[in-house]
Each structure stands twice: as C-alpha cells, then as structure tokens.
Amino acid sequence: MKIEKKVWPEYFEAIVSGKKKYELRLADWKCKEGDTLVLREWNPRIKEYTGRRVEKRVTYVAKFKLDDLFWSKEEIEKHGIQIISLE
C-alpha cells in the first residue's frame, strides 16, 4: 500500500540525504511493514507543497500508548521521549 504524508522541509532534507532513517508520527492511520510512504515536502509558512517528494519502504512499525511504556507519565513529562536511529 502507498501512503502519502506531509513532511516539513528540514525533515524532508534529512530523509533525502539519508541522515534521518525513521519517522515519528501520530498513530491515527495504519501502516505495516512493506508499505510505501510517499513523503511530500510541505512548507508550513506558505501552507503549500514544494513539489519535492520521496518514496520510502516501511521496514518496521512500533505503535505504543503512554500506558504501555517503561516509564511513568511523570518521567515522560519531565524528560520527554527521544527516538534514536541506529546504523
């Protein structure tokens, strides 16, 4: 399945360059391994697409809720959550 999503310019550039190899998204839509994300660069200042796009294959999906995590809500609110990309 192909799924189209907006990506802000700084994140789009990091994806295209190969530096950013993950996506953090609200889980209000479904995707699975093997799907293709069609990422379209979106300029939030002018609220328009730039015309640039890239397609990336989904290799792993981890969906979670705050109650499912290893940390308490208080710890998350104090420190936040970070995603680390590994190579």
PDB file of N, CA and C in Angstrom:
ATOM      1  N   MET A   1       0.844  -1.175   0.000  1.00  0.00           N
ATOM      2  CA  MET A   1       0.000   0.000   0.000  1.00  0.00           C
ATOM      3  C   MET A   1       0.895   1.246   0.000  1.00  0.00           C
ATOM      4  N   LYS A   2       0.504   2.257  -0.732  1.00  0.00           N
ATOM      5  CA  LYS A   2       1.202   3.547  -0.719  1.00  0.00           C
ATOM      6  C   LYS A   2       0.412   4.516   0.145  1.00  0.00           C
ATOM      7  N   ILE A   3       1.133   5.204   1.024  1.00  0.00           N
ATOM      8  CA  ILE A   3       0.522   6.144   1.956  1.00  0.00           C
ATOM      9  C   ILE A   3       1.247   7.475   1.810  1.00  0.00           C
ATOM     10  N   GLU A   4       0.497   8.537   1.559  1.00  0.00           N
ATOM     11  CA  GLU A   4       1.084   9.857   1.346  1.00  0.00           C
ATOM     12  C   GLU A   4       1.009  10.691   2.616  1.00  0.00           C
ATOM     13  N   LYS A   5       2.139  11.342   2.967  1.00  0.00           N
ATOM     14  CA  LYS A   5       2.201  12.194   4.156  1.00  0.00           C
ATOM     15  C   LYS A   5       3.014  13.454   3.860  1.00  0.00           C
ATOM     16  N   LYS A   6       2.679  14.512   4.578  1.00  0.00           N
ATOM     17  CA  LYS A   6       3.433  15.765   4.505  1.00  0.00           C
ATOM     18  C   LYS A   6       4.688  15.656   5.369  1.00  0.00           C
ATOM     19  N   VAL A   7       5.750  16.323   4.939  1.00  0.00           N
ATOM     20  CA  VAL A   7       6.976  16.414   5.728  1.00  0.00           C
ATOM     21  C   VAL A   7       7.519  17.831   5.599  1.00  0.00           C
ATOM     22  N   TRP A   8       7.842  18.447   6.732  1.00  0.00           N
ATOM     23  CA  TRP A   8       8.404  19.793   6.715  1.00  0.00           C
ATOM     24  C   TRP A   8       9.806  19.774   6.108  1.00  0.00           C
ATOM     25  N   PRO A   9      10.237  20.894   5.498  1.00  0.00           N
ATOM     26  CA  PRO A   9      11.495  20.933   4.738  1.00  0.00           C
ATOM     27  C   PRO A   9      12.733  20.415   5.473  1.00  0.00           C
ATOM     28  N   GLU A  10      12.931  20.789   6.733  1.00  0.00           N
ATOM     29  CA  GLU A  10      14.154  20.345   7.426  1.00  0.00           C
ATOM     30  C   GLU A  10      14.179  18.829   7.624  1.00  0.00           C
ATOM     31  N   TYR A  11      13.024  18.226   7.832  1.00  0.00           N
ATOM     32  CA  TYR A  11      12.954  16.774   7.991  1.00  0.00           C
ATOM     33  C   TYR A  11      13.045  16.081   6.630  1.00  0.00           C
ATOM     34  N   PHE A  12      12.416  16.673   5.624  1.00  0.00           N
ATOM     35  CA  PHE A  12      12.481  16.126   4.277  1.00  0.00           C
ATOM     36  C   PHE A  12      13.933  16.054   3.810  1.00  0.00           C
ATOM     37  N   GLU A  13      14.673  17.129   4.020  1.00  0.00           N
ATOM     38  CA  GLU A  13      16.070  17.180   3.590  1.00  0.00           C
ATOM     39  C   GLU A  13      16.901  16.120   4.303  1.00  0.00           C
ATOM     40  N   ALA A  14      16.649  15.910   5.594  1.00  0.00           N
ATOM     41  CA  ALA A  14      17.384  14.896   6.352  1.00  0.00           C
ATOM     42  C   ALA A  14      17.052  13.485   5.850  1.00  0.00           C
ATOM     43  N   ILE A  15      15.812  13.273   5.420  1.00  0.00           N
ATOM     44  CA  ILE A  15      15.417  11.978   4.869  1.00  0.00           C
ATOM     45  C   ILE A  15      16.089  11.751   3.519  1.00  0.00           C
ATOM     46  N   VAL A  16      16.028  12.753   2.643  1.00  0.00           N
ATOM     47  CA  VAL A  16      16.606  12.646   1.304  1.00  0.00           C
ATOM     48  C   VAL A  16      18.119  12.426   1.371  1.00  0.00           C
ATOM     49  N   SER A  17      18.776  13.084   2.317  1.00  0.00           N
ATOM     50  CA  SER A  17      20.233  12.948   2.440  1.00  0.00           C
ATOM     51  C   SER A  17      20.640  11.598   3.025  1.00  0.00           C
ATOM     52  N   GLY A  18      19.679  10.884   3.620  1.00  0.00           N
ATOM     53  CA  GLY A  18      19.984   9.592   4.226  1.00  0.00           C
ATOM     54  C   GLY A  18      20.314   9.671   5.701  1.00  0.00           C
ATOM     55  N   LYS A  19      20.357  10.883   6.248  1.00  0.00           N
ATOM     56  CA  LYS A  19      20.690  11.060   7.661  1.00  0.00           C
ATOM     57  C   LYS A  19      19.552  10.590   8.575  1.00  0.00           C
ATOM     58  N   LYS A  20      18.319  10.880   8.205  1.00  0.00           N
ATOM     59  CA  LYS A  20      17.140  10.537   9.010  1.00  0.00           C
ATOM     60  C   LYS A  20      16.516   9.264   8.442  1.00  0.00           C
ATOM     61  N   LYS A  21      16.519   8.202   9.260  1.00  0.00           N
ATOM     62  CA  LYS A  21      16.026   6.906   8.802  1.00  0.00           C
ATOM     63  C   LYS A  21      14.887   6.415   9.677  1.00  0.00           C
ATOM     64  N   TYR A  22      14.051   7.330  10.108  1.00  0.00           N
ATOM     65  CA  TYR A  22      12.901   6.994  10.944  1.00  0.00           C
ATOM     66  C   TYR A  22      11.824   8.043  10.726  1.00  0.00           C
ATOM     67  N   GLU A  23      10.619   7.760  11.148  1.00  0.00           N
ATOM     68  CA  GLU A  23       9.525   8.732  11.167  1.00  0.00           C
ATOM     69  C   GLU A  23       8.811   8.585  12.496  1.00  0.00           C
ATOM     70  N   LEU A  24       8.539   9.675  13.135  1.00  0.00           N
ATOM     71  CA  LEU A  24       7.730   9.698  14.349  1.00  0.00           C
ATOM     72  C   LEU A  24       6.409  10.333  13.964  1.00  0.00           C
ATOM     73  N   ARG A  25       5.328   9.582  14.092  1.00  0.00           N
ATOM     74  CA  ARG A  25       4.014  10.049  13.653  1.00  0.00           C
ATOM     75  C   ARG A  25       2.943   9.690  14.664  1.00  0.00           C
ATOM     76  N   LEU A  26       1.925  10.513  14.739  1.00  0.00           N
ATOM     77  CA  LEU A  26       0.731  10.168  15.488  1.00  0.00           C
ATOM     78  C   LEU A  26       0.127   8.932  14.831  1.00  0.00           C
ATOM     79  N   ALA A  27      -0.275   7.957  15.619  1.00  0.00           N
ATOM     80  CA  ALA A  27      -0.775   6.690  15.074  1.00  0.00           C
ATOM     81  C   ALA A  27      -2.271   6.770  14.771  1.00  0.00           C
ATOM     82  N   ASP A  28      -2.676   7.810  14.051  1.00  0.00           N
ATOM     83  CA  ASP A  28      -4.088   7.970  13.678  1.00  0.00           C
ATOM     84  C   ASP A  28      -4.357   7.415  12.282  1.00  0.00           C
ATOM     85  N   TRP A  29      -3.445   6.606  11.782  1.00  0.00           N
ATOM     86  CA  TRP A  29      -3.578   5.935  10.494  1.00  0.00           C
ATOM     87  C   TRP A  29      -2.795   4.632  10.572  1.00  0.00           C
ATOM     88  N   LYS A  30      -3.084   3.714   9.684  1.00  0.00           N
ATOM     89  CA  LYS A  30      -2.454   2.402   9.733  1.00  0.00           C
ATOM     90  C   LYS A  30      -1.369   2.279   8.666  1.00  0.00           C
ATOM     91  N   CYS A  31      -0.276   1.648   9.051  1.00  0.00           N
ATOM     92  CA  CYS A  31       0.731   1.234   8.088  1.00  0.00           C
ATOM     93  C   CYS A  31       1.384  -0.029   8.626  1.00  0.00           C
ATOM     94  N   LYS A  32       2.018  -0.756   7.731  1.00  0.00           N
ATOM     95  CA  LYS A  32       2.654  -2.002   8.131  1.00  0.00           C
ATOM     96  C   LYS A  32       3.929  -2.189   7.326  1.00  0.00           C
ATOM     97  N   GLU A  33       4.744  -3.128   7.785  1.00  0.00           N
ATOM     98  CA  GLU A  33       5.971  -3.448   7.069  1.00  0.00           C
ATOM     99  C   GLU A  33       5.641  -3.783   5.622  1.00  0.00           C
ATOM    100  N   GLY A  34       6.430  -3.239   4.717  1.00  0.00           N
ATOM    101  CA  GLY A  34       6.214  -3.469   3.291  1.00  0.00           C
ATOM    102  C   GLY A  34       5.454  -2.352   2.602  1.00  0.00           C
ATOM    103  N   ASP A  35       4.716  -1.540   3.368  1.00  0.00           N
ATOM    104  CA  ASP A  35       4.031  -0.387   2.780  1.00  0.00           C
ATOM    105  C   ASP A  35       5.060   0.627   2.299  1.00  0.00           C
ATOM    106  N   THR A  36       4.636   1.553   1.463  1.00  0.00           N
ATOM    107  CA  THR A  36       5.497   2.623   0.975  1.00  0.00           C
ATOM    108  C   THR A  36       4.951   3.956   1.462  1.00  0.00           C
ATOM    109  N   LEU A  37       5.820   4.730   2.117  1.00  0.00           N
ATOM    110  CA  LEU A  37       5.449   6.099   2.487  1.00  0.00           C
ATOM    111  C   LEU A  37       5.885   7.024   1.367  1.00  0.00           C
ATOM    112  N   VAL A  38       4.940   7.771   0.839  1.00  0.00           N
ATOM    113  CA  VAL A  38       5.232   8.808  -0.144  1.00  0.00           C
ATOM    114  C   VAL A  38       5.280  10.099   0.656  1.00  0.00           C
ATOM    115  N   LEU A  39       6.486  10.601   0.860  1.00  0.00           N
ATOM    116  CA  LEU A  39       6.681  11.784   1.690  1.00  0.00           C
ATOM    117  C   LEU A  39       6.809  13.006   0.792  1.00  0.00           C
ATOM    118  N   ARG A  40       5.885  13.945   0.960  1.00  0.00           N
ATOM    119  CA  ARG A  40       5.857  15.166   0.137  1.00  0.00           C
ATOM    120  C   ARG A  40       6.276  16.351   0.998  1.00  0.00           C
ATOM    121  N   GLU A  41       7.258  17.077   0.513  1.00  0.00           N
ATOM    122  CA  GLU A  41       7.749  18.234   1.253  1.00  0.00           C
ATOM    123  C   GLU A  41       6.664  19.311   1.322  1.00  0.00           C
ATOM    124  N   TRP A  42       6.397  19.793   2.536  1.00  0.00           N
ATOM    125  CA  TRP A  42       5.352  20.770   2.809  1.00  0.00           C
ATOM    126  C   TRP A  42       5.976  21.987   3.471  1.00  0.00           C
ATOM    127  N   ASN A  43       5.711  23.162   2.926  1.00  0.00           N
ATOM    128  CA  ASN A  43       6.209  24.403   3.512  1.00  0.00           C
ATOM    129  C   ASN A  43       5.130  24.954   4.444  1.00  0.00           C
ATOM    130  N   PRO A  44       5.345  24.884   5.776  1.00  0.00           N
ATOM    131  CA  PRO A  44       4.313  25.316   6.711  1.00  0.00           C
ATOM    132  C   PRO A  44       4.099  26.836   6.730  1.00  0.00           C
ATOM    133  N   ARG A  45       5.103  27.608   6.296  1.00  0.00           N
ATOM    134  CA  ARG A  45       4.936  29.073   6.272  1.00  0.00           C
ATOM    135  C   ARG A  45       3.897  29.513   5.248  1.00  0.00           C
ATOM    136  N   ILE A  46       3.982  28.918   4.044  1.00  0.00           N
ATOM    137  CA  ILE A  46       3.054  29.315   2.980  1.00  0.00           C
ATOM    138  C   ILE A  46       1.931  28.309   2.780  1.00  0.00           C
ATOM    139  N   LYS A  47       1.985  27.216   3.575  1.00  0.00           N
ATOM    140  CA  LYS A  47       0.948  26.178   3.543  1.00  0.00           C
ATOM    141  C   LYS A  47       0.742  25.609   2.134  1.00  0.00           C
ATOM    142  N   GLU A  48       1.884  25.222   1.531  1.00  0.00           N
ATOM    143  CA  GLU A  48       1.850  24.625   0.193  1.00  0.00           C
ATOM    144  C   GLU A  48       2.920  23.558   0.069  1.00  0.00           C
ATOM    145  N   TYR A  49       2.675  22.596  -0.814  1.00  0.00           N
ATOM    146  CA  TYR A  49       3.696  21.612  -1.150  1.00  0.00           C
ATOM    147  C   TYR A  49       4.759  22.284  -2.006  1.00  0.00           C
ATOM    148  N   THR A  50       6.012  21.827  -1.861  1.00  0.00           N
ATOM    149  CA  THR A  50       7.110  22.402  -2.646  1.00  0.00           C
ATOM    150  C   THR A  50       7.259  21.727  -4.000  1.00  0.00           C
ATOM    151  N   GLY A  51       6.678  20.536  -4.149  1.00  0.00           N
ATOM    152  CA  GLY A  51       6.827  19.772  -5.379  1.00  0.00           C
ATOM    153  C   GLY A  51       7.821  18.621  -5.229  1.00  0.00           C
ATOM    154  N   ARG A  52       8.620  18.649  -4.161  1.00  0.00           N
ATOM    155  CA  ARG A  52       9.572  17.548  -3.952  1.00  0.00           C
ATOM    156  C   ARG A  52       8.882  16.411  -3.205  1.00  0.00           C
ATOM    157  N   ARG A  53       9.265  15.187  -3.567  1.00  0.00           N
ATOM    158  CA  ARG A  53       8.695  14.004  -2.913  1.00  0.00           C
ATOM    159  C   ARG A  53       9.721  12.884  -2.937  1.00  0.00           C
ATOM    160  N   VAL A  54       9.567  11.976  -1.998  1.00  0.00           N
ATOM    161  CA  VAL A  54      10.438  10.813  -1.944  1.00  0.00           C
ATOM    162  C   VAL A  54       9.594   9.635  -1.455  1.00  0.00           C
ATOM    163  N   GLU A  55       9.912   8.445  -1.947  1.00  0.00           N
ATOM    164  CA  GLU A  55       9.210   7.237  -1.513  1.00  0.00           C
ATOM    165  C   GLU A  55      10.166   6.392  -0.686  1.00  0.00           C
ATOM    166  N   LYS A  56       9.676   5.901   0.459  1.00  0.00           N
ATOM    167  CA  LYS A  56      10.470   5.061   1.356  1.00  0.00           C
ATOM    168  C   LYS A  56       9.641   3.847   1.763  1.00  0.00           C
ATOM    169  N   ARG A  57      10.288   2.685   1.763  1.00  0.00           N
ATOM    170  CA  ARG A  57       9.617   1.453   2.161  1.00  0.00           C
ATOM    171  C   ARG A  57       9.633   1.342   3.684  1.00  0.00           C
ATOM    172  N   VAL A  58       8.503   0.961   4.258  1.00  0.00           N
ATOM    173  CA  VAL A  58       8.387   0.766   5.704  1.00  0.00           C
ATOM    174  C   VAL A  58       9.021  -0.580   6.044  1.00  0.00           C
ATOM    175  N   THR A  59      10.008  -0.560   6.961  1.00  0.00           N
ATOM    176  CA  THR A  59      10.684  -1.793   7.347  1.00  0.00           C
ATOM    177  C   THR A  59      10.333  -2.237   8.767  1.00  0.00           C
ATOM    178  N   TYR A  60       9.787  -1.333   9.583  1.00  0.00           N
ATOM    179  CA  TYR A  60       9.445  -1.679  10.963  1.00  0.00           C
ATOM    180  C   TYR A  60       8.453  -0.657  11.488  1.00  0.00           C
ATOM    181  N   VAL A  61       7.450  -1.109  12.226  1.00  0.00           N
ATOM    182  CA  VAL A  61       6.470  -0.220  12.835  1.00  0.00           C
ATOM    183  C   VAL A  61       6.327  -0.601  14.305  1.00  0.00           C
ATOM    184  N   ALA A  62       6.484   0.359  15.195  1.00  0.00           N
ATOM    185  CA  ALA A  62       6.248   0.141  16.624  1.00  0.00           C
ATOM    186  C   ALA A  62       5.207   1.160  17.061  1.00  0.00           C
ATOM    187  N   LYS A  63       4.065   0.680  17.469  1.00  0.00           N
ATOM    188  CA  LYS A  63       2.983   1.544  17.915  1.00  0.00           C
ATOM    189  C   LYS A  63       2.831   1.349  19.414  1.00  0.00           C
ATOM    190  N   PHE A  64       2.687   2.436  20.146  1.00  0.00           N
ATOM    191  CA  PHE A  64       2.549   2.313  21.593  1.00  0.00           C
ATOM    192  C   PHE A  64       1.701   3.438  22.147  1.00  0.00           C
ATOM    193  N   LYS A  65       1.216   3.232  23.348  1.00  0.00           N
ATOM    194  CA  LYS A  65       0.479   4.246  24.099  1.00  0.00           C
ATOM    195  C   LYS A  65       1.293   4.573  25.337  1.00  0.00           C
ATOM    196  N   LEU A  66       1.073   5.719  25.920  1.00  0.00           N
ATOM    197  CA  LEU A  66       1.854   6.126  27.081  1.00  0.00           C
ATOM    198  C   LEU A  66       1.746   5.132  28.228  1.00  0.00           C
ATOM    199  N   ASP A  67       0.607   4.476  28.377  1.00  0.00           N
ATOM    200  CA  ASP A  67       0.441   3.496  29.447  1.00  0.00           C
ATOM    201  C   ASP A  67       1.277   2.238  29.224  1.00  0.00           C
ATOM    202  N   ASP A  68       1.708   1.998  27.973  1.00  0.00           N
ATOM    203  CA  ASP A  68       2.456   0.792  27.628  1.00  0.00           C
ATOM    204  C   ASP A  68       3.959   0.954  27.794  1.00  0.00           C
ATOM    205  N   LEU A  69       4.422   2.148  28.104  1.00  0.00           N
ATOM    206  CA  LEU A  69       5.857   2.418  28.121  1.00  0.00           C
ATOM    207  C   LEU A  69       6.513   1.982  29.422  1.00  0.00           C
ATOM    208  N   PHE A  70       7.822   1.990  29.411  1.00  0.00           N
ATOM    209  CA  PHE A  70       8.618   1.573  30.562  1.00  0.00           C
ATOM    210  C   PHE A  70       8.678   2.645  31.644  1.00  0.00           C
ATOM    211  N   TRP A  71       8.302   3.854  31.307  1.00  0.00           N
ATOM    212  CA  TRP A  71       8.458   4.979  32.222  1.00  0.00           C
ATOM    213  C   TRP A  71       7.101   5.493  32.672  1.00  0.00           C
ATOM    214  N   SER A  72       7.094   6.195  33.780  1.00  0.00           N
ATOM    215  CA  SER A  72       5.848   6.776  34.275  1.00  0.00           C
ATOM    216  C   SER A  72       5.509   8.031  33.470  1.00  0.00           C
ATOM    217  N   LYS A  73       4.248   8.431  33.532  1.00  0.00           N
ATOM    218  CA  LYS A  73       3.805   9.642  32.846  1.00  0.00           C
ATOM    219  C   LYS A  73       4.588  10.850  33.352  1.00  0.00           C
ATOM    220  N   GLU A  74       4.873  10.872  34.654  1.00  0.00           N
ATOM    221  CA  GLU A  74       5.622  11.989  35.247  1.00  0.00           C
ATOM    222  C   GLU A  74       7.041  12.067  34.670  1.00  0.00           C
ATOM    223  N   GLU A  75       7.696  10.906  34.513  1.00  0.00           N
ATOM    224  CA  GLU A  75       9.047  10.889  33.941  1.00  0.00           C
ATOM    225  C   GLU A  75       9.025  11.372  32.489  1.00  0.00           C
ATOM    226  N   ILE A  76       8.021  10.936  31.756  1.00  0.00           N
ATOM    227  CA  ILE A  76       7.904  11.348  30.354  1.00  0.00           C
ATOM    228  C   ILE A  76       7.657  12.849  30.259  1.00  0.00           C
ATOM    229  N   GLU A  77       6.775  13.379  31.103  1.00  0.00           N
ATOM    230  CA  GLU A  77       6.504  14.815  31.086  1.00  0.00           C
ATOM    231  C   GLU A  77       7.737  15.616  31.478  1.00  0.00           C
ATOM    232  N   LYS A  78       8.542  15.098  32.399  1.00  0.00           N
ATOM    233  CA  LYS A  78       9.748  15.802  32.859  1.00  0.00           C
ATOM    234  C   LYS A  78      10.859  15.778  31.811  1.00  0.00           C
ATOM    235  N   HIS A  79      11.099  14.590  31.194  1.00  0.00           N
ATOM    236  CA  HIS A  79      12.257  14.424  30.334  1.00  0.00           C
ATOM    237  C   HIS A  79      11.934  14.355  28.843  1.00  0.00           C
ATOM    238  N   GLY A  80      10.684  13.991  28.495  1.00  0.00           N
ATOM    239  CA  GLY A  80      10.343  13.766  27.090  1.00  0.00           C
ATOM    240  C   GLY A  80      10.783  12.385  26.652  1.00  0.00           C
ATOM    241  N   ILE A  81      10.557  12.084  25.397  1.00  0.00           N
ATOM    242  CA  ILE A  81      10.950  10.809  24.797  1.00  0.00           C
ATOM    243  C   ILE A  81      11.812  11.128  23.598  1.00  0.00           C
ATOM    244  N   GLN A  82      12.894  10.377  23.435  1.00  0.00           N
ATOM    245  CA  GLN A  82      13.721  10.573  22.253  1.00  0.00           C
ATOM    246  C   GLN A  82      13.716   9.303  21.419  1.00  0.00           C
ATOM    247  N   ILE A  83      13.869   9.479  20.133  1.00  0.00           N
ATOM    248  CA  ILE A  83      13.994   8.348  19.225  1.00  0.00           C
ATOM    249  C   ILE A  83      15.421   8.365  18.720  1.00  0.00           C
ATOM    250  N   ILE A  84      16.047   7.204  18.723  1.00  0.00           N
ATOM    251  CA  ILE A  84      17.436   7.109  18.328  1.00  0.00           C
ATOM    252  C   ILE A  84      17.511   6.230  17.080  1.00  0.00           C
ATOM    253  N   SER A  85      18.139   6.735  16.065  1.00  0.00           N
ATOM    254  CA  SER A  85      18.313   5.981  14.831  1.00  0.00           C
ATOM    255  C   SER A  85      19.650   5.250  14.897  1.00  0.00           C
ATOM    256  N   LEU A  86      19.655   3.975  14.580  1.00  0.00           N
ATOM    257  CA  LEU A  86      20.867   3.171  14.641  1.00  0.00           C
ATOM    258  C   LEU A  86      21.271   2.707  13.252  1.00  0.00           C
ATOM    259  N   GLU A  87      22.560   2.536  13.066  1.00  0.00           N
ATOM    260  CA  GLU A  87      23.043   2.069  11.774  1.00  0.00           C
ATOM    261  C   GLU A  87      24.092   0.998  11.977  1.00  0.00           C
TER     262      GLU A  87
END
